Amino acid sequence: MTAASSGALPPAQAAQNVLETGYHHLSEAAQLTFFKNIFGGLLLSAGGLLSLILQTGSPGLTQSNPGIGQVLQGITFPIGLVLVYFVGAELFTGYPMYVQCQQPEKRC
């Protein structure tokens, strides 16, 4: 009987996968990268806007139960991140890491 695998990679393999992903992303056309990042930012902002609307848009609900607004905000904000993933858009935050990993004298 074998132990169930968690799917986690050893550190060296994870670093290699990040490096390969970085090569792929940094070799894309600048226009494509720009539009994917803008679209990702818009989707993330849409999730944030939805969470704010649900938290502040129903004052009667939040006055009777103040915690429900926080729960609604916590549930709806990640919708923007999920949309970024499913649509294939990107966020800029990964690119500095990819550039850092490309430098051979430094380790990521």
N, C-alpha and C. Protein backbone atom coordinates (compact mmCIF):
# COMPACT_ATOMS: atom_id res chain seq x y z
N MET A 1 0.85 -1.18 0.00
CA MET A 1 0.00 0.00 0.00
C MET A 1 0.90 1.24 0.00
N THR A 2 0.64 2.13 -0.93
CA THR A 2 1.46 3.34 -1.04
C THR A 2 0.76 4.51 -0.37
N ALA A 3 1.56 5.41 0.09
CA ALA A 3 1.00 6.61 0.72
C ALA A 3 0.43 7.53 -0.36
N ALA A 4 -0.62 8.24 -0.01
CA ALA A 4 -1.24 9.17 -0.94
C ALA A 4 -0.30 10.34 -1.20
N SER A 5 -0.20 10.73 -2.44
CA SER A 5 0.67 11.84 -2.82
C SER A 5 -0.06 13.16 -2.61
N SER A 6 0.66 14.13 -2.09
CA SER A 6 0.05 15.44 -1.89
C SER A 6 0.11 16.28 -3.17
N GLY A 7 0.88 15.85 -4.14
CA GLY A 7 1.03 16.61 -5.37
C GLY A 7 2.08 17.70 -5.27
N ALA A 8 2.68 17.84 -4.10
CA ALA A 8 3.71 18.87 -3.92
C ALA A 8 5.01 18.43 -4.59
N LEU A 9 5.71 19.39 -5.13
CA LEU A 9 6.99 19.12 -5.78
C LEU A 9 8.13 19.38 -4.81
N PRO A 10 9.22 18.66 -4.98
CA PRO A 10 10.41 19.01 -4.19
C PRO A 10 10.87 20.42 -4.58
N PRO A 11 11.58 21.10 -3.69
CA PRO A 11 11.98 22.49 -3.97
C PRO A 11 12.74 22.68 -5.28
N ALA A 12 13.64 21.78 -5.60
CA ALA A 12 14.41 21.94 -6.84
C ALA A 12 13.51 21.82 -8.07
N GLN A 13 12.58 20.88 -8.05
CA GLN A 13 11.65 20.71 -9.17
C GLN A 13 10.70 21.90 -9.27
N ALA A 14 10.24 22.42 -8.13
CA ALA A 14 9.37 23.59 -8.15
C ALA A 14 10.08 24.80 -8.74
N ALA A 15 11.35 24.98 -8.36
CA ALA A 15 12.14 26.10 -8.91
C ALA A 15 12.33 25.92 -10.42
N GLN A 16 12.55 24.70 -10.86
CA GLN A 16 12.71 24.44 -12.30
C GLN A 16 11.41 24.75 -13.04
N ASN A 17 10.27 24.38 -12.46
CA ASN A 17 8.98 24.67 -13.10
C ASN A 17 8.73 26.17 -13.18
N VAL A 18 9.10 26.91 -12.13
CA VAL A 18 8.95 28.36 -12.16
C VAL A 18 9.83 28.96 -13.24
N LEU A 19 11.04 28.43 -13.37
CA LEU A 19 11.97 28.92 -14.40
C LEU A 19 11.41 28.68 -15.80
N GLU A 20 10.86 27.50 -16.04
CA GLU A 20 10.28 27.19 -17.36
C GLU A 20 9.06 28.06 -17.64
N THR A 21 8.23 28.28 -16.63
CA THR A 21 7.08 29.16 -16.79
C THR A 21 7.54 30.58 -17.09
N GLY A 22 8.60 31.02 -16.42
CA GLY A 22 9.14 32.35 -16.66
C GLY A 22 9.66 32.50 -18.08
N TYR A 23 10.35 31.47 -18.59
CA TYR A 23 10.80 31.53 -19.98
C TYR A 23 9.63 31.70 -20.93
N HIS A 24 8.57 30.95 -20.67
CA HIS A 24 7.39 31.04 -21.54
C HIS A 24 6.76 32.43 -21.49
N HIS A 25 6.56 32.96 -20.29
CA HIS A 25 5.89 34.26 -20.16
C HIS A 25 6.75 35.40 -20.67
N LEU A 26 8.04 35.34 -20.44
CA LEU A 26 8.91 36.43 -20.88
C LEU A 26 9.18 36.40 -22.38
N SER A 27 8.87 35.29 -23.03
CA SER A 27 9.07 35.22 -24.48
C SER A 27 7.82 35.63 -25.26
N GLU A 28 6.72 35.93 -24.58
CA GLU A 28 5.51 36.38 -25.27
C GLU A 28 5.70 37.80 -25.80
N ALA A 29 4.89 38.16 -26.78
CA ALA A 29 4.94 39.51 -27.34
C ALA A 29 4.56 40.53 -26.26
N ALA A 30 5.19 41.68 -26.33
CA ALA A 30 4.94 42.72 -25.33
C ALA A 30 3.48 43.18 -25.33
N GLN A 31 2.87 43.26 -26.52
CA GLN A 31 1.48 43.69 -26.60
C GLN A 31 0.56 42.68 -25.92
N LEU A 32 0.80 41.39 -26.14
CA LEU A 32 -0.01 40.35 -25.52
C LEU A 32 0.13 40.40 -24.00
N THR A 33 1.36 40.53 -23.53
CA THR A 33 1.60 40.62 -22.09
C THR A 33 0.90 41.83 -21.50
N PHE A 34 0.98 42.96 -22.18
CA PHE A 34 0.35 44.18 -21.69
C PHE A 34 -1.16 43.99 -21.57
N PHE A 35 -1.80 43.47 -22.61
CA PHE A 35 -3.25 43.32 -22.58
C PHE A 35 -3.71 42.25 -21.60
N LYS A 36 -2.94 41.19 -21.44
CA LYS A 36 -3.30 40.16 -20.46
C LYS A 36 -3.22 40.72 -19.04
N ASN A 37 -2.24 41.58 -18.79
CA ASN A 37 -2.10 42.18 -17.46
C ASN A 37 -3.18 43.22 -17.20
N ILE A 38 -3.52 44.01 -18.21
CA ILE A 38 -4.60 44.99 -18.05
C ILE A 38 -5.92 44.27 -17.80
N PHE A 39 -6.18 43.22 -18.58
CA PHE A 39 -7.41 42.46 -18.42
C PHE A 39 -7.47 41.79 -17.05
N GLY A 40 -6.34 41.27 -16.58
CA GLY A 40 -6.29 40.68 -15.25
C GLY A 40 -6.58 41.70 -14.16
N GLY A 41 -6.03 42.89 -14.31
CA GLY A 41 -6.31 43.95 -13.34
C GLY A 41 -7.76 44.36 -13.34
N LEU A 42 -8.37 44.41 -14.52
CA LEU A 42 -9.80 44.75 -14.59
C LEU A 42 -10.66 43.68 -13.93
N LEU A 43 -10.33 42.42 -14.15
CA LEU A 43 -11.10 41.34 -13.53
C LEU A 43 -10.94 41.35 -12.02
N LEU A 44 -9.73 41.57 -11.54
CA LEU A 44 -9.50 41.63 -10.11
C LEU A 44 -10.25 42.82 -9.50
N SER A 45 -10.25 43.94 -10.20
CA SER A 45 -10.98 45.12 -9.73
C SER A 45 -12.48 44.87 -9.71
N ALA A 46 -12.97 44.12 -10.69
CA ALA A 46 -14.40 43.79 -10.72
C ALA A 46 -14.79 42.95 -9.50
N GLY A 47 -13.94 42.02 -9.11
CA GLY A 47 -14.20 41.23 -7.90
C GLY A 47 -14.19 42.11 -6.66
N GLY A 48 -13.25 43.05 -6.59
CA GLY A 48 -13.21 43.97 -5.46
C GLY A 48 -14.41 44.88 -5.42
N LEU A 49 -14.84 45.36 -6.58
CA LEU A 49 -16.02 46.21 -6.64
C LEU A 49 -17.27 45.45 -6.22
N LEU A 50 -17.39 44.21 -6.67
CA LEU A 50 -18.54 43.39 -6.27
C LEU A 50 -18.56 43.19 -4.77
N SER A 51 -17.41 42.94 -4.17
CA SER A 51 -17.38 42.74 -2.72
C SER A 51 -17.76 44.02 -1.97
N LEU A 52 -17.31 45.17 -2.47
CA LEU A 52 -17.69 46.43 -1.82
C LEU A 52 -19.17 46.74 -1.97
N ILE A 53 -19.71 46.45 -3.14
CA ILE A 53 -21.14 46.69 -3.38
C ILE A 53 -21.98 45.81 -2.45
N LEU A 54 -21.60 44.55 -2.32
CA LEU A 54 -22.38 43.67 -1.46
C LEU A 54 -22.25 44.03 0.01
N GLN A 55 -21.08 44.53 0.42
CA GLN A 55 -20.91 44.88 1.82
C GLN A 55 -21.62 46.19 2.16
N THR A 56 -21.48 47.19 1.31
CA THR A 56 -22.03 48.51 1.65
C THR A 56 -23.38 48.79 1.00
N GLY A 57 -23.80 47.96 0.06
CA GLY A 57 -25.03 48.23 -0.67
C GLY A 57 -26.30 47.79 0.02
N SER A 58 -26.19 47.10 1.12
CA SER A 58 -27.39 46.66 1.85
C SER A 58 -27.27 47.05 3.32
N PRO A 59 -27.49 48.34 3.63
CA PRO A 59 -27.30 48.79 5.01
C PRO A 59 -28.28 48.14 6.00
N GLY A 60 -29.49 47.81 5.55
CA GLY A 60 -30.44 47.18 6.46
C GLY A 60 -29.96 45.81 6.91
N LEU A 61 -29.37 45.09 6.01
CA LEU A 61 -28.86 43.75 6.33
C LEU A 61 -27.67 43.84 7.27
N THR A 62 -26.76 44.77 7.00
CA THR A 62 -25.57 44.86 7.83
C THR A 62 -25.84 45.50 9.18
N GLN A 63 -26.92 46.29 9.31
CA GLN A 63 -27.25 46.86 10.62
C GLN A 63 -27.83 45.79 11.54
N SER A 64 -28.61 44.88 10.99
CA SER A 64 -29.18 43.83 11.83
C SER A 64 -28.15 42.76 12.18
N ASN A 65 -27.20 42.55 11.30
CA ASN A 65 -26.16 41.55 11.55
C ASN A 65 -24.85 42.08 10.96
N PRO A 66 -24.03 42.78 11.76
CA PRO A 66 -22.83 43.42 11.22
C PRO A 66 -21.82 42.45 10.60
N GLY A 67 -21.79 41.23 11.02
CA GLY A 67 -20.82 40.28 10.50
C GLY A 67 -21.13 39.78 9.11
N ILE A 68 -22.39 39.86 8.70
CA ILE A 68 -22.77 39.32 7.39
C ILE A 68 -22.11 40.10 6.25
N GLY A 69 -21.89 41.40 6.43
CA GLY A 69 -21.21 42.19 5.40
C GLY A 69 -19.78 41.73 5.20
N GLN A 70 -19.11 41.42 6.31
CA GLN A 70 -17.74 40.93 6.23
C GLN A 70 -17.68 39.56 5.56
N VAL A 71 -18.66 38.71 5.87
CA VAL A 71 -18.70 37.38 5.25
C VAL A 71 -18.94 37.51 3.76
N LEU A 72 -19.89 38.36 3.37
CA LEU A 72 -20.16 38.56 1.94
C LEU A 72 -18.93 39.11 1.21
N GLN A 73 -18.24 40.03 1.86
CA GLN A 73 -17.04 40.58 1.24
C GLN A 73 -15.96 39.52 1.11
N GLY A 74 -15.81 38.70 2.12
CA GLY A 74 -14.81 37.64 2.07
C GLY A 74 -15.12 36.57 1.03
N ILE A 75 -16.39 36.33 0.77
CA ILE A 75 -16.78 35.33 -0.21
C ILE A 75 -16.65 35.86 -1.63
N THR A 76 -16.98 37.13 -1.84
CA THR A 76 -17.05 37.65 -3.21
C THR A 76 -15.73 38.22 -3.74
N PHE A 77 -14.83 38.68 -2.89
CA PHE A 77 -13.58 39.24 -3.42
C PHE A 77 -12.77 38.22 -4.22
N PRO A 78 -12.64 36.98 -3.77
CA PRO A 78 -11.85 36.01 -4.55
C PRO A 78 -12.44 35.68 -5.91
N ILE A 79 -13.67 36.09 -6.18
CA ILE A 79 -14.26 35.85 -7.50
C ILE A 79 -13.39 36.48 -8.58
N GLY A 80 -12.83 37.65 -8.31
CA GLY A 80 -11.94 38.30 -9.28
C GLY A 80 -10.70 37.47 -9.56
N LEU A 81 -10.12 36.87 -8.53
CA LEU A 81 -8.94 36.03 -8.73
C LEU A 81 -9.29 34.76 -9.51
N VAL A 82 -10.45 34.19 -9.22
CA VAL A 82 -10.89 33.00 -9.93
C VAL A 82 -11.11 33.33 -11.40
N LEU A 83 -11.70 34.48 -11.67
CA LEU A 83 -11.92 34.89 -13.06
C LEU A 83 -10.60 35.08 -13.80
N VAL A 84 -9.62 35.66 -13.14
CA VAL A 84 -8.30 35.85 -13.76
C VAL A 84 -7.73 34.49 -14.16
N TYR A 85 -7.88 33.50 -13.29
CA TYR A 85 -7.34 32.17 -13.58
C TYR A 85 -8.09 31.50 -14.72
N PHE A 86 -9.42 31.51 -14.67
CA PHE A 86 -10.22 30.80 -15.67
C PHE A 86 -10.16 31.45 -17.06
N VAL A 87 -10.08 32.76 -17.10
CA VAL A 87 -10.06 33.46 -18.38
C VAL A 87 -8.67 33.39 -19.03
N GLY A 88 -7.64 33.20 -18.24
CA GLY A 88 -6.29 33.14 -18.78
C GLY A 88 -5.58 34.48 -18.75
N ALA A 89 -6.16 35.44 -18.06
CA ALA A 89 -5.50 36.72 -17.91
C ALA A 89 -4.36 36.56 -16.90
N GLU A 90 -3.57 37.58 -16.74
CA GLU A 90 -2.44 37.51 -15.82
C GLU A 90 -2.36 38.77 -14.99
N LEU A 91 -1.64 38.67 -13.90
CA LEU A 91 -1.35 39.82 -13.05
C LEU A 91 0.15 40.09 -13.10
N PHE A 92 0.52 41.33 -13.00
CA PHE A 92 1.92 41.72 -13.13
C PHE A 92 2.80 41.11 -12.05
N THR A 93 2.24 40.77 -10.92
CA THR A 93 3.04 40.39 -9.75
C THR A 93 3.96 39.21 -10.00
N GLY A 94 3.66 38.35 -10.97
CA GLY A 94 4.54 37.22 -11.25
C GLY A 94 5.76 37.59 -12.06
N TYR A 95 5.69 38.63 -12.84
CA TYR A 95 6.78 38.97 -13.76
C TYR A 95 8.07 39.36 -13.05
N PRO A 96 8.04 40.13 -11.96
CA PRO A 96 9.32 40.41 -11.28
C PRO A 96 10.00 39.13 -10.78
N MET A 97 9.20 38.15 -10.35
CA MET A 97 9.79 36.89 -9.91
C MET A 97 10.43 36.16 -11.09
N TYR A 98 9.76 36.15 -12.24
CA TYR A 98 10.33 35.48 -13.41
C TYR A 98 11.64 36.13 -13.84
N VAL A 99 11.69 37.44 -13.80
CA VAL A 99 12.92 38.15 -14.18
C VAL A 99 14.03 37.82 -13.19
N GLN A 100 13.70 37.77 -11.92
CA GLN A 100 14.69 37.44 -10.89
C GLN A 100 15.23 36.03 -11.09
N CYS A 101 14.37 35.09 -11.45
CA CYS A 101 14.80 33.70 -11.65
C CYS A 101 15.64 33.53 -12.91
N GLN A 102 15.57 34.45 -13.84
CA GLN A 102 16.33 34.33 -15.07
C GLN A 102 17.79 34.68 -14.88
N GLN A 103 18.13 35.36 -13.81
CA GLN A 103 19.51 35.78 -13.58
C GLN A 103 20.30 34.58 -13.04
N PRO A 104 21.30 34.11 -13.76
CA PRO A 104 21.97 32.89 -13.36
C PRO A 104 22.77 32.99 -12.06
N GLU A 105 23.23 34.17 -11.71
CA GLU A 105 24.04 34.27 -10.50
C GLU A 105 23.19 34.32 -9.22
N LYS A 106 21.89 34.48 -9.37
CA LYS A 106 21.00 34.52 -8.21
C LYS A 106 20.06 33.33 -8.25
N ARG A 107 19.59 32.96 -7.11
CA ARG A 107 18.67 31.83 -7.02
C ARG A 107 17.29 32.33 -6.65
N CYS A 108 16.26 31.69 -7.22
CA CYS A 108 14.90 32.10 -6.88
C CYS A 108 14.35 31.24 -5.77
